[in-house]
């Protein structure tokens, strides 16, 4: 059902309308994606490792949040997924393993 509905969004204008994003904003994000992400390096593990962080600028973050709430949230990710799933996290993941041999 969800996939059938998404197939109806055949043009960028229809997609952006469904997302509730102005087409000019959506197309700006598509065309300027490299300019809308800030890259930074952080040091982790007491200075032993470096990690690259990519953070979206506010306009891209807004469009991404609309995609997540209007499209991605409609798909079942399964029982094993815990990261970035509402109501789940490291604790719910760990609970599944309590009492098991390691």
C-alpha atoms as a PDB file:
ATOM      1  CA  UNK A   1       0.000   0.000   0.000  1.00  0.00           C
ATOM      2  CA  UNK A   2       2.726   2.473   0.983  1.00  0.00           C
ATOM      3  CA  UNK A   3       4.874   1.637  -2.028  1.00  0.00           C
ATOM      4  CA  UNK A   4       1.872   2.044  -4.343  1.00  0.00           C
ATOM      5  CA  UNK A   5       1.159   5.492  -2.908  1.00  0.00           C
ATOM      6  CA  UNK A   6       4.786   6.550  -3.251  1.00  0.00           C
ATOM      7  CA  UNK A   7       4.751   5.540  -6.926  1.00  0.00           C
ATOM      8  CA  UNK A   8       2.171   8.288  -7.467  1.00  0.00           C
ATOM      9  CA  UNK A   9       4.796  10.894  -6.605  1.00  0.00           C
ATOM     10  CA  UNK A  10       6.240  10.919 -10.120  1.00  0.00           C
ATOM     11  CA  UNK A  11       7.532  14.486 -10.249  1.00  0.00           C
ATOM     12  CA  UNK A  12       9.589  16.591  -7.860  1.00  0.00           C
ATOM     13  CA  UNK A  13       6.628  18.973  -7.485  1.00  0.00           C
ATOM     14  CA  UNK A  14       4.322  16.158  -6.370  1.00  0.00           C
ATOM     15  CA  UNK A  15       6.940  14.820  -3.972  1.00  0.00           C
ATOM     16  CA  UNK A  16       7.590  18.218  -2.406  1.00  0.00           C
ATOM     17  CA  UNK A  17       3.856  18.880  -2.125  1.00  0.00           C
ATOM     18  CA  UNK A  18       3.441  15.561  -0.309  1.00  0.00           C
ATOM     19  CA  UNK A  19       6.314  16.466   1.997  1.00  0.00           C
ATOM     20  CA  UNK A  20       4.910  19.929   2.628  1.00  0.00           C
ATOM     21  CA  UNK A  21       8.095  21.549   1.306  1.00  0.00           C
ATOM     22  CA  UNK A  22       8.118  24.432  -1.149  1.00  0.00           C
ATOM     23  CA  UNK A  23       9.466  23.141  -4.496  1.00  0.00           C
ATOM     24  CA  UNK A  24      12.120  25.857  -4.660  1.00  0.00           C
ATOM     25  CA  UNK A  25      13.409  24.828  -1.211  1.00  0.00           C
ATOM     26  CA  UNK A  26      13.376  21.138  -2.121  1.00  0.00           C
ATOM     27  CA  UNK A  27      15.204  21.695  -5.402  1.00  0.00           C
ATOM     28  CA  UNK A  28      17.723  23.950  -3.656  1.00  0.00           C
ATOM     29  CA  UNK A  29      18.512  21.080  -1.270  1.00  0.00           C
ATOM     30  CA  UNK A  30      18.863  18.628  -4.148  1.00  0.00           C
ATOM     31  CA  UNK A  31      21.153  20.867  -6.198  1.00  0.00           C
ATOM     32  CA  UNK A  32      23.238  22.278  -3.350  1.00  0.00           C
ATOM     33  CA  UNK A  33      23.508  19.182  -1.146  1.00  0.00           C
ATOM     34  CA  UNK A  34      27.294  19.489  -0.817  1.00  0.00           C
ATOM     35  CA  UNK A  35      26.959  23.056   0.452  1.00  0.00           C
ATOM     36  CA  UNK A  36      24.273  22.145   2.978  1.00  0.00           C
ATOM     37  CA  UNK A  37      26.342  19.715   5.022  1.00  0.00           C
ATOM     38  CA  UNK A  38      28.990  20.786   7.512  1.00  0.00           C
ATOM     39  CA  UNK A  39      31.875  18.369   7.950  1.00  0.00           C
ATOM     40  CA  UNK A  40      33.845  18.320  11.171  1.00  0.00           C
ATOM     41  CA  UNK A  41      36.321  15.947  12.785  1.00  0.00           C
ATOM     42  CA  UNK A  42      36.145  15.029  16.451  1.00  0.00           C
ATOM     43  CA  UNK A  43      38.565  13.035  18.544  1.00  0.00           C
ATOM     44  CA  UNK A  44      37.195  10.069  20.437  1.00  0.00           C
ATOM     45  CA  UNK A  45      38.534   7.345  22.692  1.00  0.00           C
ATOM     46  CA  UNK A  46      40.883   9.661  24.638  1.00  0.00           C
ATOM     47  CA  UNK A  47      42.452  11.062  21.510  1.00  0.00           C
ATOM     48  CA  UNK A  48      43.176   7.711  19.888  1.00  0.00           C
ATOM     49  CA  UNK A  49      40.566   7.879  17.147  1.00  0.00           C
ATOM     50  CA  UNK A  50      39.219  10.543  14.875  1.00  0.00           C
ATOM     51  CA  UNK A  51      35.619  10.529  13.722  1.00  0.00           C
ATOM     52  CA  UNK A  52      34.098  12.546  10.896  1.00  0.00           C
ATOM     53  CA  UNK A  53      30.723  14.127  11.626  1.00  0.00           C
ATOM     54  CA  UNK A  54      28.460  15.369   8.832  1.00  0.00           C
ATOM     55  CA  UNK A  55      25.789  17.750  10.112  1.00  0.00           C
ATOM     56  CA  UNK A  56      23.025  19.106   7.884  1.00  0.00           C
ATOM     57  CA  UNK A  57      22.398  22.836   7.884  1.00  0.00           C
ATOM     58  CA  UNK A  58      18.919  23.883   9.088  1.00  0.00           C
ATOM     59  CA  UNK A  59      17.163  23.923   5.699  1.00  0.00           C
ATOM     60  CA  UNK A  60      18.404  20.433   4.800  1.00  0.00           C
ATOM     61  CA  UNK A  61      17.638  19.158   8.289  1.00  0.00           C
ATOM     62  CA  UNK A  62      14.062  20.392   7.888  1.00  0.00           C
ATOM     63  CA  UNK A  63      13.614  18.616   4.532  1.00  0.00           C
ATOM     64  CA  UNK A  64      15.180  15.436   5.939  1.00  0.00           C
ATOM     65  CA  UNK A  65      12.812  15.536   8.903  1.00  0.00           C
ATOM     66  CA  UNK A  66       9.847  15.797   6.517  1.00  0.00           C
ATOM     67  CA  UNK A  67      11.105  12.777   4.552  1.00  0.00           C
ATOM     68  CA  UNK A  68      11.502  10.836   7.797  1.00  0.00           C
ATOM     69  CA  UNK A  69       8.077  11.736   9.169  1.00  0.00           C
ATOM     70  CA  UNK A  70       6.068  11.511   5.927  1.00  0.00           C
ATOM     71  CA  UNK A  71       7.813   8.603   4.163  1.00  0.00           C
ATOM     72  CA  UNK A  72      10.313   6.564   6.154  1.00  0.00           C
ATOM     73  CA  UNK A  73       8.229   6.317   9.329  1.00  0.00           C
ATOM     74  CA  UNK A  74       5.583   4.398   7.391  1.00  0.00           C
ATOM     75  CA  UNK A  75       7.871   1.412   6.833  1.00  0.00           C
ATOM     76  CA  UNK A  76       8.259  -1.374   9.369  1.00  0.00           C
ATOM     77  CA  UNK A  77      11.935  -1.725  10.226  1.00  0.00           C
ATOM     78  CA  UNK A  78      11.517  -5.027  12.058  1.00  0.00           C
ATOM     79  CA  UNK A  79      12.077  -6.049  15.639  1.00  0.00           C
ATOM     80  CA  UNK A  80      15.873  -6.134  15.449  1.00  0.00           C
ATOM     81  CA  UNK A  81      16.346  -2.449  14.608  1.00  0.00           C
ATOM     82  CA  UNK A  82      16.846  -0.172  17.592  1.00  0.00           C
ATOM     83  CA  UNK A  83      18.945   2.763  16.389  1.00  0.00           C
ATOM     84  CA  UNK A  84      17.002   5.835  15.236  1.00  0.00           C
ATOM     85  CA  UNK A  85      13.666   4.079  15.884  1.00  0.00           C
ATOM     86  CA  UNK A  86      11.200   5.974  18.044  1.00  0.00           C
ATOM     87  CA  UNK A  87      10.836   4.322  21.453  1.00  0.00           C
ATOM     88  CA  UNK A  88      13.898   2.131  20.957  1.00  0.00           C
ATOM     89  CA  UNK A  89      17.556   2.562  21.726  1.00  0.00           C
ATOM     90  CA  UNK A  90      20.571   0.988  23.357  1.00  0.00           C
ATOM     91  CA  UNK A  91      18.582  -0.077  26.423  1.00  0.00           C
ATOM     92  CA  UNK A  92      15.822  -1.840  24.486  1.00  0.00           C
ATOM     93  CA  UNK A  93      18.480  -3.519  22.384  1.00  0.00           C
ATOM     94  CA  UNK A  94      20.357  -4.684  25.492  1.00  0.00           C
ATOM     95  CA  UNK A  95      17.149  -5.975  27.136  1.00  0.00           C
ATOM     96  CA  UNK A  96      16.826  -8.574  24.381  1.00  0.00           C
ATOM     97  CA  UNK A  97      20.172 -10.061  25.394  1.00  0.00           C
ATOM     98  CA  UNK A  98      19.813 -10.138  29.178  1.00  0.00           C
ATOM     99  CA  UNK A  99      20.371 -13.641  30.516  1.00  0.00           C
ATOM    100  CA  UNK A 100      21.938 -14.950  27.306  1.00  0.00           C
ATOM    101  CA  UNK A 101      25.376 -16.463  27.194  1.00  0.00           C
ATOM    102  CA  UNK A 102      28.016 -14.286  25.675  1.00  0.00           C
END
